C-alpha atoms as a PDB file:
ATOM      1  CA  MET A   1      19.442   1.127  23.694  1.00  0.00           C
ATOM      2  CA  HIS A   2      20.216  -0.443  20.315  1.00  0.00           C
ATOM      3  CA  LEU A   3      17.291  -1.603  18.171  1.00  0.00           C
ATOM      4  CA  SER A   4      17.680  -5.216  17.036  1.00  0.00           C
ATOM      5  CA  ILE A   5      14.861  -4.975  14.481  1.00  0.00           C
ATOM      6  CA  PRO A   6      15.717  -3.752  10.961  1.00  0.00           C
ATOM      7  CA  VAL A   7      14.371  -0.396   9.841  1.00  0.00           C
ATOM      8  CA  TYR A   8      13.924   0.034   6.097  1.00  0.00           C
ATOM      9  CA  VAL A   9      14.101   3.614   4.828  1.00  0.00           C
ATOM     10  CA  ILE A  10      12.526   4.494   1.484  1.00  0.00           C
ATOM     11  CA  ASN A  11      14.691   7.099  -0.205  1.00  0.00           C
ATOM     12  CA  LEU A  12      14.995   8.471  -3.740  1.00  0.00           C
ATOM     13  CA  ASP A  13      18.467   8.467  -5.267  1.00  0.00           C
ATOM     14  CA  ARG A  14      18.365  12.247  -5.657  1.00  0.00           C
ATOM     15  CA  SER A  15      17.336  12.846  -2.015  1.00  0.00           C
ATOM     16  CA  LYS A  16      20.789  12.567  -0.450  1.00  0.00           C
ATOM     17  CA  GLU A  17      20.128  15.263   2.152  1.00  0.00           C
ATOM     18  CA  ARG A  18      17.076  13.429   3.438  1.00  0.00           C
ATOM     19  CA  LEU A  19      19.062  10.212   3.753  1.00  0.00           C
ATOM     20  CA  THR A  20      21.775  12.006   5.727  1.00  0.00           C
ATOM     21  CA  ALA A  21      19.186  13.599   8.011  1.00  0.00           C
ATOM     22  CA  ILE A  22      17.371  10.366   8.804  1.00  0.00           C
ATOM     23  CA  LYS A  23      20.648   8.516   9.395  1.00  0.00           C
ATOM     24  CA  ASP A  24      21.654  11.203  11.878  1.00  0.00           C
ATOM     25  CA  SER A  25      18.296  10.882  13.628  1.00  0.00           C
ATOM     26  CA  ALA A  26      18.581   7.082  13.656  1.00  0.00           C
ATOM     27  CA  LYS A  27      22.075   7.144  15.132  1.00  0.00           C
ATOM     28  CA  GLN A  28      20.898   9.358  17.970  1.00  0.00           C
ATOM     29  CA  PHE A  29      18.433   6.666  19.117  1.00  0.00           C
ATOM     30  CA  GLY A  30      20.335   3.461  18.385  1.00  0.00           C
ATOM     31  CA  VAL A  31      18.551   2.670  15.110  1.00  0.00           C
ATOM     32  CA  VAL A  32      20.404   1.142  12.156  1.00  0.00           C
ATOM     33  CA  VAL A  33      18.653   1.814   8.852  1.00  0.00           C
ATOM     34  CA  ARG A  34      18.610  -0.125   5.605  1.00  0.00           C
ATOM     35  CA  ARG A  35      18.038   2.008   2.523  1.00  0.00           C
ATOM     36  CA  VAL A  36      15.433   0.951  -0.041  1.00  0.00           C
ATOM     37  CA  PRO A  37      15.914   2.893  -3.294  1.00  0.00           C
ATOM     38  CA  ALA A  38      12.552   4.564  -3.889  1.00  0.00           C
ATOM     39  CA  VAL A  39      10.665   4.295  -7.172  1.00  0.00           C
ATOM     40  CA  ASP A  40      10.378   7.605  -9.052  1.00  0.00           C
ATOM     41  CA  GLY A  41       6.841   7.579 -10.458  1.00  0.00           C
ATOM     42  CA  ARG A  42       7.688  10.378 -12.884  1.00  0.00           C
ATOM     43  CA  VAL A  43      10.048   8.252 -14.963  1.00  0.00           C
ATOM     44  CA  LEU A  44       8.328   4.878 -14.947  1.00  0.00           C
ATOM     45  CA  PRO A  45       7.648   3.476 -18.431  1.00  0.00           C
ATOM     46  CA  GLN A  46       4.226   2.060 -19.251  1.00  0.00           C
ATOM     47  CA  SER A  47       5.704  -1.444 -19.147  1.00  0.00           C
ATOM     48  CA  ALA A  48       6.437  -0.984 -15.408  1.00  0.00           C
ATOM     49  CA  LEU A  49       2.830  -0.203 -14.459  1.00  0.00           C
ATOM     50  CA  ALA A  50       1.427  -3.727 -14.339  1.00  0.00           C
ATOM     51  CA  ASP A  51       0.614  -3.238 -10.654  1.00  0.00           C
ATOM     52  CA  LEU A  52      -1.512  -0.135 -11.317  1.00  0.00           C
ATOM     53  CA  ASP A  53      -5.253  -0.314 -12.061  1.00  0.00           C
ATOM     54  CA  VAL A  54      -5.968   3.192 -13.380  1.00  0.00           C
ATOM     55  CA  GLY A  55      -9.665   2.577 -13.925  1.00  0.00           C
ATOM     56  CA  ALA A  56     -10.213   1.280 -10.407  1.00  0.00           C
ATOM     57  CA  PHE A  57      -8.198   4.167  -8.945  1.00  0.00           C
ATOM     58  CA  LYS A  58     -10.444   6.728 -10.656  1.00  0.00           C
ATOM     59  CA  ARG A  59     -13.586   4.854  -9.680  1.00  0.00           C
ATOM     60  CA  LEU A  60     -12.665   4.277  -6.037  1.00  0.00           C
ATOM     61  CA  HIS A  61     -10.694   7.460  -5.306  1.00  0.00           C
ATOM     62  CA  GLY A  62     -12.420   9.928  -7.591  1.00  0.00           C
ATOM     63  CA  LYS A  63      -9.279  11.458  -9.090  1.00  0.00           C
ATOM     64  CA  ASN A  64      -6.499  10.924 -11.569  1.00  0.00           C
ATOM     65  CA  VAL A  65      -3.510   9.093 -10.173  1.00  0.00           C
ATOM     66  CA  MET A  66      -0.419  11.274  -9.729  1.00  0.00           C
ATOM     67  CA  PRO A  67       3.147  10.111 -10.466  1.00  0.00           C
ATOM     68  CA  ALA A  68       4.128  10.786  -6.829  1.00  0.00           C
ATOM     69  CA  GLU A  69       1.356   8.458  -5.645  1.00  0.00           C
ATOM     70  CA  ILE A  70       2.549   5.710  -7.967  1.00  0.00           C
ATOM     71  CA  GLY A  71       6.132   6.128  -6.819  1.00  0.00           C
ATOM     72  CA  CYS A  72       5.118   6.043  -3.147  1.00  0.00           C
ATOM     73  CA  TYR A  73       2.966   2.942  -3.595  1.00  0.00           C
ATOM     74  CA  PHE A  74       5.520   0.997  -5.621  1.00  0.00           C
ATOM     75  CA  SER A  75       8.315   1.978  -3.210  1.00  0.00           C
ATOM     76  CA  HIS A  76       6.429   0.516  -0.261  1.00  0.00           C
ATOM     77  CA  LEU A  77       5.737  -2.678  -2.207  1.00  0.00           C
ATOM     78  CA  LYS A  78       9.478  -2.869  -2.878  1.00  0.00           C
ATOM     79  CA  ALA A  79      10.255  -2.550   0.836  1.00  0.00           C
ATOM     80  CA  LEU A  80       7.641  -5.165   1.731  1.00  0.00           C
ATOM     81  CA  GLN A  81       9.116  -7.519  -0.864  1.00  0.00           C
ATOM     82  CA  GLU A  82      12.529  -7.287   0.802  1.00  0.00           C
ATOM     83  CA  ILE A  83      11.004  -7.998   4.203  1.00  0.00           C
ATOM     84  CA  ALA A  84       8.900 -10.908   2.935  1.00  0.00           C
ATOM     85  CA  GLN A  85      11.956 -12.502   1.342  1.00  0.00           C
ATOM     86  CA  GLY A  86      14.179 -11.891   4.359  1.00  0.00           C
ATOM     87  CA  ASP A  87      14.859 -13.903   7.501  1.00  0.00           C
ATOM     88  CA  GLU A  88      13.878 -11.452  10.236  1.00  0.00           C
ATOM     89  CA  PRO A  89      10.435 -11.993  11.816  1.00  0.00           C
ATOM     90  CA  HIS A  90       9.835  -8.241  12.303  1.00  0.00           C
ATOM     91  CA  ALA A  91      10.777  -5.021  10.538  1.00  0.00           C
ATOM     92  CA  VAL A  92       9.856  -1.356  10.348  1.00  0.00           C
ATOM     93  CA  VAL A  93       9.271   0.651   7.179  1.00  0.00           C
ATOM     94  CA  VAL A  94       9.734   4.427   7.249  1.00  0.00           C
ATOM     95  CA  GLU A  95       9.797   7.185   4.663  1.00  0.00           C
ATOM     96  CA  ASP A  96      12.876   9.392   4.648  1.00  0.00           C
ATOM     97  CA  ASP A  97      11.130  12.508   5.966  1.00  0.00           C
ATOM     98  CA  VAL A  98      10.563  11.277   9.511  1.00  0.00           C
ATOM     99  CA  GLU A  99      12.553  11.837  12.671  1.00  0.00           C
ATOM    100  CA  PHE A 100      12.887   9.175  15.340  1.00  0.00           C
ATOM    101  CA  THR A 101      12.013   9.756  18.992  1.00  0.00           C
ATOM    102  CA  ALA A 102      13.402   8.410  22.263  1.00  0.00           C
ATOM    103  CA  ASP A 103      10.350   6.173  22.617  1.00  0.00           C
ATOM    104  CA  PHE A 104      10.710   4.542  19.182  1.00  0.00           C
ATOM    105  CA  THR A 105      13.287   1.845  19.991  1.00  0.00           C
ATOM    106  CA  PRO A 106      11.799   0.594  23.293  1.00  0.00           C
ATOM    107  CA  PHE A 107       8.315   0.527  21.784  1.00  0.00           C
ATOM    108  CA  VAL A 108       9.318  -1.479  18.709  1.00  0.00           C
ATOM    109  CA  GLU A 109      11.282  -3.946  20.846  1.00  0.00           C
ATOM    110  CA  ALA A 110       8.255  -4.391  23.125  1.00  0.00           C
ATOM    111  CA  LEU A 111       5.897  -4.738  20.147  1.00  0.00           C
ATOM    112  CA  SER A 112       8.027  -7.590  18.763  1.00  0.00           C
ATOM    113  CA  ARG A 113       7.130  -9.604  21.864  1.00  0.00           C
ATOM    114  CA  VAL A 114       3.412  -9.257  21.128  1.00  0.00           C
ATOM    115  CA  SER A 115       1.743 -11.696  18.729  1.00  0.00           C
ATOM    116  CA  GLY A 116      -1.484 -11.448  16.790  1.00  0.00           C
ATOM    117  CA  TRP A 117      -0.661  -8.467  14.572  1.00  0.00           C
ATOM    118  CA  ASP A 118       0.568  -8.179  10.990  1.00  0.00           C
ATOM    119  CA  ALA A 119       1.222  -4.437  10.832  1.00  0.00           C
ATOM    120  CA  VAL A 120       1.092  -1.488  13.227  1.00  0.00           C
ATOM    121  CA  LYS A 121       1.095   2.121  12.055  1.00  0.00           C
ATOM    122  CA  LEU A 122       3.449   4.240  14.149  1.00  0.00           C
ATOM    123  CA  VAL A 123       2.244   7.668  12.999  1.00  0.00           C
ATOM    124  CA  ASN A 124      -1.000   9.139  11.684  1.00  0.00           C
ATOM    125  CA  HIS A 125      -2.385  12.567  10.851  1.00  0.00           C
ATOM    126  CA  ARG A 126      -5.378  11.864  13.126  1.00  0.00           C
ATOM    127  CA  THR A 127      -6.688   9.096  15.405  1.00  0.00           C
ATOM    128  CA  PRO A 128     -10.411   9.719  15.935  1.00  0.00           C
ATOM    129  CA  LEU A 129     -12.576   7.249  17.910  1.00  0.00           C
ATOM    130  CA  PHE A 130      -9.538   5.218  18.941  1.00  0.00           C
ATOM    131  CA  ARG A 131     -10.336   1.880  20.545  1.00  0.00           C
ATOM    132  CA  ARG A 132      -7.600   0.416  22.753  1.00  0.00           C
ATOM    133  CA  PHE A 133      -6.688  -3.231  22.225  1.00  0.00           C
ATOM    134  CA  ARG A 134      -3.427  -3.687  24.118  1.00  0.00           C
ATOM    135  CA  GLN A 135      -0.878  -1.668  26.022  1.00  0.00           C
ATOM    136  CA  VAL A 136       2.539  -2.422  24.524  1.00  0.00           C
ATOM    137  CA  ASN A 137       4.715  -0.541  26.996  1.00  0.00           C
ATOM    138  CA  ALA A 138       4.409   2.365  29.392  1.00  0.00           C
ATOM    139  CA  GLY A 139       2.387   5.103  27.798  1.00  0.00           C
ATOM    140  CA  TYR A 140       1.627   3.462  24.440  1.00  0.00           C
ATOM    141  CA  TRP A 141      -1.337   1.409  23.266  1.00  0.00           C
ATOM    142  CA  ILE A 142      -2.212  -0.160  19.935  1.00  0.00           C
ATOM    143  CA  GLY A 143      -5.765  -0.220  18.694  1.00  0.00           C
ATOM    144  CA  ARG A 144      -8.029   0.760  15.826  1.00  0.00           C
ATOM    145  CA  CYS A 145     -10.054   3.812  14.890  1.00  0.00           C
ATOM    146  CA  SER A 146     -13.715   3.696  13.874  1.00  0.00           C
ATOM    147  CA  HIS A 147     -13.318   6.868  11.822  1.00  0.00           C
ATOM    148  CA  GLY A 148     -10.863   7.374   9.004  1.00  0.00           C
ATOM    149  CA  PRO A 149      -8.820   7.282   6.872  1.00  0.00           C
ATOM    150  CA  LEU A 150      -6.123   8.225   9.350  1.00  0.00           C
ATOM    151  CA  GLY A 151      -3.588   9.424   6.783  1.00  0.00           C
ATOM    152  CA  SER A 152       0.178   8.846   6.472  1.00  0.00           C
ATOM    153  CA  SER A 153       2.182   5.732   5.680  1.00  0.00           C
ATOM    154  CA  ALA A 154       5.375   7.351   6.933  1.00  0.00           C
ATOM    155  CA  ALA A 155       6.177   4.683   9.535  1.00  0.00           C
ATOM    156  CA  TYR A 156       4.818   1.241  10.396  1.00  0.00           C
ATOM    157  CA  ALA A 157       5.999  -2.017  11.888  1.00  0.00           C
ATOM    158  CA  VAL A 158       5.307  -5.243  10.019  1.00  0.00           C
ATOM    159  CA  THR A 159       5.920  -8.935  10.553  1.00  0.00           C
ATOM    160  CA  ARG A 160       7.462 -11.055   7.804  1.00  0.00           C
ATOM    161  CA  GLU A 161       4.178 -12.948   7.358  1.00  0.00           C
ATOM    162  CA  GLY A 162       2.341  -9.634   7.464  1.00  0.00           C
ATOM    163  CA  ALA A 163       4.505  -8.322   4.612  1.00  0.00           C
ATOM    164  CA  LYS A 164       3.488 -11.341   2.538  1.00  0.00           C
ATOM    165  CA  LYS A 165      -0.194 -10.694   3.267  1.00  0.00           C
ATOM    166  CA  LEU A 166       0.147  -7.014   2.399  1.00  0.00           C
ATOM    167  CA  LEU A 167       1.859  -7.784  -0.901  1.00  0.00           C
ATOM    168  CA  GLU A 168      -0.983 -10.106  -1.853  1.00  0.00           C
ATOM    169  CA  ALA A 169      -3.708  -7.704  -0.736  1.00  0.00           C
ATOM    170  CA  LEU A 170      -2.284  -4.433  -2.081  1.00  0.00           C
ATOM    171  CA  ARG A 171      -1.708  -5.503  -5.678  1.00  0.00           C
ATOM    172  CA  PRO A 172      -2.704  -3.952  -7.990  1.00  0.00           C
ATOM    173  CA  MET A 173      -2.740  -0.316  -6.857  1.00  0.00           C
ATOM    174  CA  ARG A 174      -6.308   0.988  -6.636  1.00  0.00           C
ATOM    175  CA  LEU A 175      -5.906   3.633  -3.923  1.00  0.00           C
ATOM    176  CA  PRO A 176      -3.123   5.820  -2.501  1.00  0.00           C
ATOM    177  CA  TYR A 177      -0.838   3.741  -0.286  1.00  0.00           C
ATOM    178  CA  ASP A 178      -1.737   5.414   3.004  1.00  0.00           C
ATOM    179  CA  VAL A 179      -5.435   4.688   2.360  1.00  0.00           C
ATOM    180  CA  ALA A 180      -4.883   1.130   1.138  1.00  0.00           C
ATOM    181  CA  LEU A 181      -2.586   0.191   4.030  1.00  0.00           C
ATOM    182  CA  GLU A 182      -5.312   0.726   6.639  1.00  0.00           C
ATOM    183  CA  ARG A 183      -7.852  -1.534   4.907  1.00  0.00           C
ATOM    184  CA  GLY A 184      -7.168  -4.747   6.771  1.00  0.00           C
ATOM    185  CA  TRP A 185     -10.816  -5.693   6.355  1.00  0.00           C
ATOM    186  CA  SER A 186     -10.319  -5.994   2.579  1.00  0.00           C
ATOM    187  CA  GLY A 187      -7.113  -8.009   2.682  1.00  0.00           C
ATOM    188  CA  ASP A 188      -7.532 -10.207   5.744  1.00  0.00           C
ATOM    189  CA  TYR A 189      -4.527  -8.842   7.614  1.00  0.00           C
ATOM    190  CA  ALA A 190      -4.452  -7.657  11.218  1.00  0.00           C
ATOM    191  CA  ILE A 191      -3.426  -4.005  11.185  1.00  0.00           C
ATOM    192  CA  PHE A 192      -3.466  -1.663  14.169  1.00  0.00           C
ATOM    193  CA  THR A 193      -2.238   1.799  15.005  1.00  0.00           C
ATOM    194  CA  THR A 194      -0.609   3.415  18.003  1.00  0.00           C
ATOM    195  CA  ASP A 195      -2.524   5.929  20.076  1.00  0.00           C
ATOM    196  CA  LYS A 196       0.407   8.362  19.879  1.00  0.00           C
ATOM    197  CA  PRO A 197       3.144   8.841  17.241  1.00  0.00           C
ATOM    198  CA  LEU A 198       6.505   7.078  17.630  1.00  0.00           C
ATOM    199  CA  VAL A 199       8.160   9.281  14.983  1.00  0.00           C
ATOM    200  CA  SER A 200       7.678  12.904  14.053  1.00  0.00           C
ATOM    201  CA  LEU A 201       7.298  14.379  10.595  1.00  0.00           C
ATOM    202  CA  SER A 202      10.135  16.688   9.578  1.00  0.00           C
ATOM    203  CA  ARG A 203       9.538  20.279   8.440  1.00  0.00           C
ATOM    204  CA  GLN A 204      10.240  19.094   4.929  1.00  0.00           C
ATOM    205  CA  ALA A 205       7.483  16.515   5.187  1.00  0.00           C
ATOM    206  CA  LEU A 206       4.967  19.053   6.437  1.00  0.00           C
ATOM    207  CA  SER A 207       5.864  21.340   3.550  1.00  0.00           C
ATOM    208  CA  THR A 208       5.413  18.513   1.068  1.00  0.00           C
ATOM    209  CA  ILE A 209       1.997  17.711   2.520  1.00  0.00           C
ATOM    210  CA  ALA A 210       0.890  21.332   2.083  1.00  0.00           C
ATOM    211  CA  ASP A 211       2.131  21.448  -1.530  1.00  0.00           C
ATOM    212  CA  GLY A 212       0.520  18.080  -2.219  1.00  0.00           C
ATOM    213  CA  ARG A 213      -2.946  19.311  -1.274  1.00  0.00           C
ATOM    214  CA  ALA A 214      -2.979  21.752  -4.159  1.00  0.00           C
ATOM    215  CA  ALA A 215      -1.901  19.081  -6.646  1.00  0.00           C
ATOM    216  CA  TYR A 216      -4.452  16.703  -5.157  1.00  0.00           C
ATOM    217  CA  ALA A 217      -7.250  19.218  -5.733  1.00  0.00           C
ATOM    218  CA  ARG A 218      -6.247  19.648  -9.374  1.00  0.00           C
ATOM    219  CA  ALA A 219      -6.338  15.887  -9.928  1.00  0.00           C
ATOM    220  CA  LYS A 220      -9.947  15.478  -8.733  1.00  0.00           C
ATOM    221  CA  LEU A 221     -12.501  14.304 -11.244  1.00  0.00           C
ATOM    222  CA  PRO A 222     -15.732  16.304 -11.850  1.00  0.00           C
ATOM    223  CA  ALA A 223     -18.404  15.703  -9.199  1.00  0.00           C
ATOM    224  CA  TRP A 224     -20.620  13.647 -11.496  1.00  0.00           C
ATOM    225  CA  LYS A 225     -17.751  11.214 -12.073  1.00  0.00           C
ATOM    226  CA  ARG A 226     -17.304  10.710  -8.319  1.00  0.00           C
ATOM    227  CA  ILE A 227     -20.690   9.174  -7.563  1.00  0.00           C
ATOM    228  CA  GLY A 228     -19.151   5.690  -7.516  1.00  0.00           C
ATOM    229  CA  THR A 229     -16.446   7.015  -5.199  1.00  0.00           C
ATOM    230  CA  LEU A 230     -19.042   8.216  -2.688  1.00  0.00           C
ATOM    231  CA  MET A 231     -20.760   4.808  -2.733  1.00  0.00           C
ATOM    232  CA  PHE A 232     -17.441   3.038  -2.185  1.00  0.00           C
ATOM    233  CA  ARG A 233     -16.452   5.323   0.683  1.00  0.00           C
ATOM    234  CA  ALA A 234     -19.797   4.876   2.426  1.00  0.00           C
ATOM    235  CA  SER A 235     -19.500   1.094   2.213  1.00  0.00           C
ATOM    236  CA  ASP A 236     -15.854   1.183   3.278  1.00  0.00           C
ATOM    237  CA  TYR A 237     -16.678   3.369   6.256  1.00  0.00           C
ATOM    238  CA  LEU A 238     -19.121   0.775   7.563  1.00  0.00           C
ATOM    239  CA  ARG A 239     -16.532  -1.955   7.090  1.00  0.00           C
ATOM    240  CA  ARG A 240     -13.983   0.170   8.955  1.00  0.00           C
ATOM    241  CA  MET A 241     -16.349   0.492  11.929  1.00  0.00           C
ATOM    242  CA  TRP A 242     -16.905  -3.271  11.998  1.00  0.00           C
ATOM    243  CA  PHE A 243     -13.165  -3.876  11.768  1.00  0.00           C
ATOM    244  CA  ALA A 244     -12.509  -1.539  14.699  1.00  0.00           C
ATOM    245  CA  CYS A 245     -15.128  -3.304  16.837  1.00  0.00           C
ATOM    246  CA  ALA A 246     -14.090  -6.882  16.024  1.00  0.00           C
ATOM    247  CA  VAL A 247     -12.773  -9.118  18.782  1.00  0.00           C
ATOM    248  CA  VAL A 248      -8.991  -9.466  18.543  1.00  0.00           C
ATOM    249  CA  ARG A 249      -6.610 -11.536  20.641  1.00  0.00           C
ATOM    250  CA  LEU A 250      -3.148 -10.035  21.092  1.00  0.00           C
ATOM    251  CA  THR A 251      -0.846 -12.092  23.281  1.00  0.00           C
ATOM    252  CA  GLY A 252       2.593 -11.632  24.739  1.00  0.00           C
ATOM    253  CA  LYS A 253       4.372 -10.227  27.759  1.00  0.00           C
ATOM    254  CA  GLU A 254       5.955  -6.926  28.510  1.00  0.00           C
ATOM    255  CA  LYS A 255       9.625  -7.135  29.390  1.00  0.00           C
END
């Protein structure tokens, strides 16, 4: 089965092996990818950081922003910009360290026939307190979780109008992208997640996550500077629960 919906792959110029690997995975499951040159946060000049609010990031996230986080965030904005300016009504954004599965193509095709969503996450690190909203095809539901953040922005489907909403809501950068993406309650966009992953994380991705935890710990601010962060997270947690319990109408037919 060939996927008719474009899949945008975020990939650094220097990561040629990752691009080859994800193209090989895509070919195996009838997926044609479009490369989006990733932003390298380590080499961005100050003049290119207009979409970064450093003060808000420290206040809301309780840590210093890392170059990798900036690069990730700006790369996703770049992909969303291409989708918003394009002609296709639906698209998928993936990072270059995922591997596609046999269920990916039929699920995305089925999801495109459902209306009422702006974005759907296709992979998470956890899905606690998942509330089902709609079954998309055999074996897969989309819904929302009352507990989070869920982690990972490695793969998600988005509509063209949803990309426009995300671009408006996610500028400037105040949180890591995977955290910000889930916060539909703050940006008035309808985001959901699947109950099971439609892609898998490569060994390279899992290694990067492990290495990133150590860097993340070093970037944390002292406890007394994170009091505002705790207040924000408590408030955001309540808003997440409300968002997960809200009444949503998703329409469409399975094929």
